Amino acid sequence: MIVASRYAKSLLDLSVEKGQLEAVYADMIQVKEVCENSREFITFLNSPIIKADKKIATIKAVFDGKFNAITSGFLTIVASKRRENVIPEMANEFIEQYRSHKNILTAVVTSANGLDSATKQKALDLVKSQLSGEVELVEKIDANIIGGFILKIGDKQLDKSVARQLSNLKKELTNKALN
């Protein structure tokens, strides 16, 4: 969403300028968590019936005192501009832009049963050796891959799962049977 991206960029620029980037980043993670964990809050933000002043007062009540002044003020401005419905997306955009600004890459490794700490560290070391910048490893579990792993970094993916190997074998056998 372009609006959310622009608001997030403005917040990022302001927080860098004021030397409060890390504090605002921590705040936006909390905003994202509140939005993900409270369907009522999202419904409230999206409600056309609730007046702007009531939304501003509620946003202040929920976040003021817990957040950096830049974040609190920014959320109030967003609500006063009647853009409170973009707050969840804005938080996500800010986090992505922060990661880009700090050159932090996210590597997602999916396995059937989860990785032990030694294997997780090996995967992290391997990814770090191939890339420049900081790498955050996110682990997902999907029993459907049967075994092996799928490593995804940005738009690149390495699929060494048993499910993929079985699928490739099935295609190969089907092609040979047709010929």
C-alpha atoms as a PDB file:
ATOM      1  CA  MET A   1       0.000   0.000   0.000  1.00  0.00           C
ATOM      2  CA  ILE A   2       1.566   3.265  -1.154  1.00  0.00           C
ATOM      3  CA  VAL A   3       0.088   5.401   1.643  1.00  0.00           C
ATOM      4  CA  ALA A   4       1.453   3.095   4.346  1.00  0.00           C
ATOM      5  CA  SER A   5       4.842   3.031   2.667  1.00  0.00           C
ATOM      6  CA  ARG A   6       5.018   6.824   2.509  1.00  0.00           C
ATOM      7  CA  TYR A   7       3.995   7.235   6.146  1.00  0.00           C
ATOM      8  CA  ALA A   8       6.529   4.591   7.178  1.00  0.00           C
ATOM      9  CA  LYS A   9       9.265   6.337   5.172  1.00  0.00           C
ATOM     10  CA  SER A  10       8.431   9.656   6.822  1.00  0.00           C
ATOM     11  CA  LEU A  11       8.558   8.061  10.262  1.00  0.00           C
ATOM     12  CA  LEU A  12      11.846   6.361   9.454  1.00  0.00           C
ATOM     13  CA  ASP A  13      13.385   9.608   8.207  1.00  0.00           C
ATOM     14  CA  LEU A  14      12.159  11.531  11.243  1.00  0.00           C
ATOM     15  CA  SER A  15      13.406   8.913  13.702  1.00  0.00           C
ATOM     16  CA  VAL A  16      16.838   8.839  12.007  1.00  0.00           C
ATOM     17  CA  GLU A  17      17.001  12.639  12.046  1.00  0.00           C
ATOM     18  CA  LYS A  18      16.120  12.745  15.760  1.00  0.00           C
ATOM     19  CA  GLY A  19      18.451   9.859  16.659  1.00  0.00           C
ATOM     20  CA  GLN A  20      15.544   7.730  17.890  1.00  0.00           C
ATOM     21  CA  LEU A  21      15.501   4.994  15.246  1.00  0.00           C
ATOM     22  CA  GLU A  22      15.937   2.043  17.614  1.00  0.00           C
ATOM     23  CA  ALA A  23      13.247   3.290  20.029  1.00  0.00           C
ATOM     24  CA  VAL A  24      10.758   3.904  17.219  1.00  0.00           C
ATOM     25  CA  TYR A  25      11.566   0.488  15.731  1.00  0.00           C
ATOM     26  CA  ALA A  26      10.785  -1.170  19.080  1.00  0.00           C
ATOM     27  CA  ASP A  27       7.524   0.804  19.236  1.00  0.00           C
ATOM     28  CA  MET A  28       6.493  -0.248  15.740  1.00  0.00           C
ATOM     29  CA  ILE A  29       7.121  -3.884  16.599  1.00  0.00           C
ATOM     30  CA  GLN A  30       4.692  -3.442  19.497  1.00  0.00           C
ATOM     31  CA  VAL A  31       2.151  -1.733  17.220  1.00  0.00           C
ATOM     32  CA  LYS A  32       2.427  -4.660  14.813  1.00  0.00           C
ATOM     33  CA  GLU A  33       1.908  -7.152  17.659  1.00  0.00           C
ATOM     34  CA  VAL A  34      -1.135  -5.268  18.971  1.00  0.00           C
ATOM     35  CA  CYS A  35      -2.617  -5.224  15.468  1.00  0.00           C
ATOM     36  CA  GLU A  36      -1.910  -8.924  14.912  1.00  0.00           C
ATOM     37  CA  ASN A  37      -3.264  -9.994  18.305  1.00  0.00           C
ATOM     38  CA  SER A  38      -6.329  -7.763  18.638  1.00  0.00           C
ATOM     39  CA  ARG A  39      -9.022  -8.119  16.048  1.00  0.00           C
ATOM     40  CA  GLU A  40     -11.105  -5.676  18.085  1.00  0.00           C
ATOM     41  CA  PHE A  41      -8.427  -2.989  17.679  1.00  0.00           C
ATOM     42  CA  ILE A  42      -8.358  -3.495  13.901  1.00  0.00           C
ATOM     43  CA  THR A  43     -12.160  -3.352  13.755  1.00  0.00           C
ATOM     44  CA  PHE A  44     -12.027  -0.162  15.811  1.00  0.00           C
ATOM     45  CA  LEU A  45      -9.448   1.433  13.481  1.00  0.00           C
ATOM     46  CA  ASN A  46     -11.460   0.510  10.385  1.00  0.00           C
ATOM     47  CA  SER A  47     -14.868   1.567  11.755  1.00  0.00           C
ATOM     48  CA  PRO A  48     -16.424   4.428   9.790  1.00  0.00           C
ATOM     49  CA  ILE A  49     -18.932   4.999  12.607  1.00  0.00           C
ATOM     50  CA  ILE A  50     -16.415   5.968  15.292  1.00  0.00           C
ATOM     51  CA  LYS A  51     -15.438   9.629  15.079  1.00  0.00           C
ATOM     52  CA  ALA A  52     -11.820  10.726  14.568  1.00  0.00           C
ATOM     53  CA  ASP A  53     -11.532  12.420  17.969  1.00  0.00           C
ATOM     54  CA  LYS A  54     -12.627   9.218  19.712  1.00  0.00           C
ATOM     55  CA  LYS A  55     -10.063   7.205  17.719  1.00  0.00           C
ATOM     56  CA  ILE A  56      -7.309   9.709  18.538  1.00  0.00           C
ATOM     57  CA  ALA A  57      -8.188   9.559  22.245  1.00  0.00           C
ATOM     58  CA  THR A  58      -8.176   5.749  22.189  1.00  0.00           C
ATOM     59  CA  ILE A  59      -4.864   5.544  20.310  1.00  0.00           C
ATOM     60  CA  LYS A  60      -3.363   7.933  22.875  1.00  0.00           C
ATOM     61  CA  ALA A  61      -4.779   5.854  25.733  1.00  0.00           C
ATOM     62  CA  VAL A  62      -3.387   2.621  24.292  1.00  0.00           C
ATOM     63  CA  PHE A  63       0.076   3.855  23.290  1.00  0.00           C
ATOM     64  CA  ASP A  64       0.973   7.117  25.102  1.00  0.00           C
ATOM     65  CA  GLY A  65       3.419   6.718  27.952  1.00  0.00           C
ATOM     66  CA  LYS A  66       4.492   3.351  26.577  1.00  0.00           C
ATOM     67  CA  PHE A  67       6.056   4.706  23.402  1.00  0.00           C
ATOM     68  CA  ASN A  68       8.662   7.197  22.350  1.00  0.00           C
ATOM     69  CA  ALA A  69       7.240  10.703  21.873  1.00  0.00           C
ATOM     70  CA  ILE A  70       7.979  10.521  18.127  1.00  0.00           C
ATOM     71  CA  THR A  71       5.920   7.339  17.732  1.00  0.00           C
ATOM     72  CA  SER A  72       3.027   8.601  19.854  1.00  0.00           C
ATOM     73  CA  GLY A  73       2.919  11.915  18.025  1.00  0.00           C
ATOM     74  CA  PHE A  74       3.129  10.220  14.675  1.00  0.00           C
ATOM     75  CA  LEU A  75       0.232   7.859  15.447  1.00  0.00           C
ATOM     76  CA  THR A  76      -1.839  10.838  16.575  1.00  0.00           C
ATOM     77  CA  ILE A  77      -1.086  12.683  13.323  1.00  0.00           C
ATOM     78  CA  VAL A  78      -1.996   9.593  11.280  1.00  0.00           C
ATOM     79  CA  ALA A  79      -5.337   9.351  13.102  1.00  0.00           C
ATOM     80  CA  SER A  80      -6.028  13.085  12.767  1.00  0.00           C
ATOM     81  CA  LYS A  81      -5.525  12.744   8.993  1.00  0.00           C
ATOM     82  CA  ARG A  82      -8.163   9.945   9.006  1.00  0.00           C
ATOM     83  CA  ARG A  83      -5.555   7.363   7.987  1.00  0.00           C
ATOM     84  CA  GLU A  84      -5.778   5.224  11.118  1.00  0.00           C
ATOM     85  CA  ASN A  85      -6.836   2.255   8.989  1.00  0.00           C
ATOM     86  CA  VAL A  86      -3.285   2.114   7.542  1.00  0.00           C
ATOM     87  CA  ILE A  87      -1.596   1.834  10.948  1.00  0.00           C
ATOM     88  CA  PRO A  88      -1.187  -1.979  10.759  1.00  0.00           C
ATOM     89  CA  GLU A  89       0.300  -1.835   7.256  1.00  0.00           C
ATOM     90  CA  MET A  90       2.370   1.206   8.202  1.00  0.00           C
ATOM     91  CA  ALA A  91       3.929  -0.740  11.090  1.00  0.00           C
ATOM     92  CA  ASN A  92       4.825  -3.602   8.726  1.00  0.00           C
ATOM     93  CA  GLU A  93       6.249  -1.186   6.161  1.00  0.00           C
ATOM     94  CA  PHE A  94       8.293   0.613   8.805  1.00  0.00           C
ATOM     95  CA  ILE A  95       9.790  -2.665  10.001  1.00  0.00           C
ATOM     96  CA  GLU A  96      10.691  -3.641   6.415  1.00  0.00           C
ATOM     97  CA  GLN A  97      12.203  -0.237   5.707  1.00  0.00           C
ATOM     98  CA  TYR A  98      14.143  -0.374   8.978  1.00  0.00           C
ATOM     99  CA  ARG A  99      15.571  -3.774   7.988  1.00  0.00           C
ATOM    100  CA  SER A 100      16.540  -2.406   4.593  1.00  0.00           C
ATOM    101  CA  HIS A 101      18.082   0.696   6.176  1.00  0.00           C
ATOM    102  CA  LYS A 102      20.138  -1.479   8.555  1.00  0.00           C
ATOM    103  CA  ASN A 103      20.945  -4.063   5.837  1.00  0.00           C
ATOM    104  CA  ILE A 104      19.267  -6.863   7.780  1.00  0.00           C
ATOM    105  CA  LEU A 105      18.250  -9.863   5.683  1.00  0.00           C
ATOM    106  CA  THR A 106      15.727 -12.468   6.754  1.00  0.00           C
ATOM    107  CA  ALA A 107      16.413 -16.103   5.931  1.00  0.00           C
ATOM    108  CA  VAL A 108      13.495 -18.479   6.431  1.00  0.00           C
ATOM    109  CA  VAL A 109      14.353 -22.125   6.900  1.00  0.00           C
ATOM    110  CA  THR A 110      11.486 -24.609   6.810  1.00  0.00           C
ATOM    111  CA  SER A 111      11.936 -28.149   8.069  1.00  0.00           C
ATOM    112  CA  ALA A 112       9.657 -31.052   8.904  1.00  0.00           C
ATOM    113  CA  ASN A 113      10.501 -31.323  12.609  1.00  0.00           C
ATOM    114  CA  GLY A 114      12.399 -28.164  13.489  1.00  0.00           C
ATOM    115  CA  LEU A 115      16.127 -27.663  13.755  1.00  0.00           C
ATOM    116  CA  ASP A 116      18.336 -28.349  16.733  1.00  0.00           C
ATOM    117  CA  SER A 117      20.503 -25.442  17.875  1.00  0.00           C
ATOM    118  CA  ALA A 118      23.684 -26.795  16.218  1.00  0.00           C
ATOM    119  CA  THR A 119      21.983 -27.201  12.834  1.00  0.00           C
ATOM    120  CA  LYS A 120      20.338 -23.799  13.157  1.00  0.00           C
ATOM    121  CA  GLN A 121      23.727 -22.220  13.859  1.00  0.00           C
ATOM    122  CA  LYS A 122      25.286 -24.021  10.868  1.00  0.00           C
ATOM    123  CA  ALA A 123      22.508 -22.725   8.616  1.00  0.00           C
ATOM    124  CA  LEU A 124      22.954 -19.200   9.973  1.00  0.00           C
ATOM    125  CA  ASP A 125      26.736 -19.354   9.491  1.00  0.00           C
ATOM    126  CA  LEU A 126      26.296 -20.649   5.931  1.00  0.00           C
ATOM    127  CA  VAL A 127      23.888 -17.860   5.028  1.00  0.00           C
ATOM    128  CA  LYS A 128      26.119 -15.206   6.651  1.00  0.00           C
ATOM    129  CA  SER A 129      29.140 -16.457   4.715  1.00  0.00           C
ATOM    130  CA  GLN A 130      27.272 -16.014   1.423  1.00  0.00           C
ATOM    131  CA  LEU A 131      25.730 -12.609   2.117  1.00  0.00           C
ATOM    132  CA  SER A 132      26.898  -9.256   3.344  1.00  0.00           C
ATOM    133  CA  GLY A 133      25.011  -7.635   6.195  1.00  0.00           C
ATOM    134  CA  GLU A 134      23.228  -8.951   9.223  1.00  0.00           C
ATOM    135  CA  VAL A 135      21.086 -12.062   8.855  1.00  0.00           C
ATOM    136  CA  GLU A 136      18.073 -13.005  10.930  1.00  0.00           C
ATOM    137  CA  LEU A 137      17.097 -16.677  10.766  1.00  0.00           C
ATOM    138  CA  VAL A 138      13.402 -17.477  11.045  1.00  0.00           C
ATOM    139  CA  GLU A 139      12.456 -21.103  11.528  1.00  0.00           C
ATOM    140  CA  LYS A 140       9.212 -22.641  10.293  1.00  0.00           C
ATOM    141  CA  ILE A 141       7.948 -26.175  10.674  1.00  0.00           C
ATOM    142  CA  ASP A 142       5.965 -27.908   7.925  1.00  0.00           C
ATOM    143  CA  ALA A 143       5.468 -31.662   8.223  1.00  0.00           C
ATOM    144  CA  ASN A 144       4.383 -31.786   4.557  1.00  0.00           C
ATOM    145  CA  ILE A 145       7.981 -31.477   3.365  1.00  0.00           C
ATOM    146  CA  ILE A 146       8.619 -34.903   4.993  1.00  0.00           C
ATOM    147  CA  GLY A 147      12.334 -34.244   5.562  1.00  0.00           C
ATOM    148  CA  GLY A 148      15.194 -32.047   4.452  1.00  0.00           C
ATOM    149  CA  PHE A 149      14.730 -28.278   4.369  1.00  0.00           C
ATOM    150  CA  ILE A 150      13.683 -25.276   2.321  1.00  0.00           C
ATOM    151  CA  LEU A 151      15.805 -22.140   2.671  1.00  0.00           C
ATOM    152  CA  LYS A 152      14.324 -18.867   1.422  1.00  0.00           C
ATOM    153  CA  ILE A 153      16.133 -15.531   1.343  1.00  0.00           C
ATOM    154  CA  GLY A 154      14.238 -12.730  -0.341  1.00  0.00           C
ATOM    155  CA  ASP A 155      13.038 -14.044  -3.697  1.00  0.00           C
ATOM    156  CA  LYS A 156      15.580 -16.891  -3.825  1.00  0.00           C
ATOM    157  CA  GLN A 157      14.762 -20.371  -2.605  1.00  0.00           C
ATOM    158  CA  LEU A 158      16.771 -23.551  -2.131  1.00  0.00           C
ATOM    159  CA  ASP A 159      14.457 -26.553  -1.842  1.00  0.00           C
ATOM    160  CA  LYS A 160      16.198 -29.677  -0.550  1.00  0.00           C
ATOM    161  CA  SER A 161      13.053 -31.238   0.884  1.00  0.00           C
ATOM    162  CA  VAL A 162      12.143 -34.895   0.535  1.00  0.00           C
ATOM    163  CA  ALA A 163       8.733 -33.849  -0.807  1.00  0.00           C
ATOM    164  CA  ARG A 164      10.414 -31.926  -3.668  1.00  0.00           C
ATOM    165  CA  GLN A 165      12.733 -34.839  -4.444  1.00  0.00           C
ATOM    166  CA  LEU A 166       9.762 -37.229  -4.552  1.00  0.00           C
ATOM    167  CA  SER A 167       7.887 -34.835  -6.825  1.00  0.00           C
ATOM    168  CA  ASN A 168      10.872 -34.574  -9.160  1.00  0.00           C
ATOM    169  CA  LEU A 169      11.232 -38.346  -9.225  1.00  0.00           C
ATOM    170  CA  LYS A 170       7.528 -38.743 -10.037  1.00  0.00           C
ATOM    171  CA  LYS A 171       7.831 -36.261 -12.943  1.00  0.00           C
ATOM    172  CA  GLU A 172      10.901 -38.045 -14.254  1.00  0.00           C
ATOM    173  CA  LEU A 173       9.221 -41.464 -14.106  1.00  0.00           C
ATOM    174  CA  THR A 174       6.053 -40.089 -15.731  1.00  0.00           C
ATOM    175  CA  ASN A 175       8.089 -38.528 -18.560  1.00  0.00           C
ATOM    176  CA  LYS A 176       9.957 -41.798 -19.149  1.00  0.00           C
ATOM    177  CA  ALA A 177       6.699 -43.772 -19.158  1.00  0.00           C
ATOM    178  CA  LEU A 178       5.216 -41.421 -21.780  1.00  0.00           C
ATOM    179  CA  ASN A 179       8.251 -41.725 -24.055  1.00  0.00           C
END
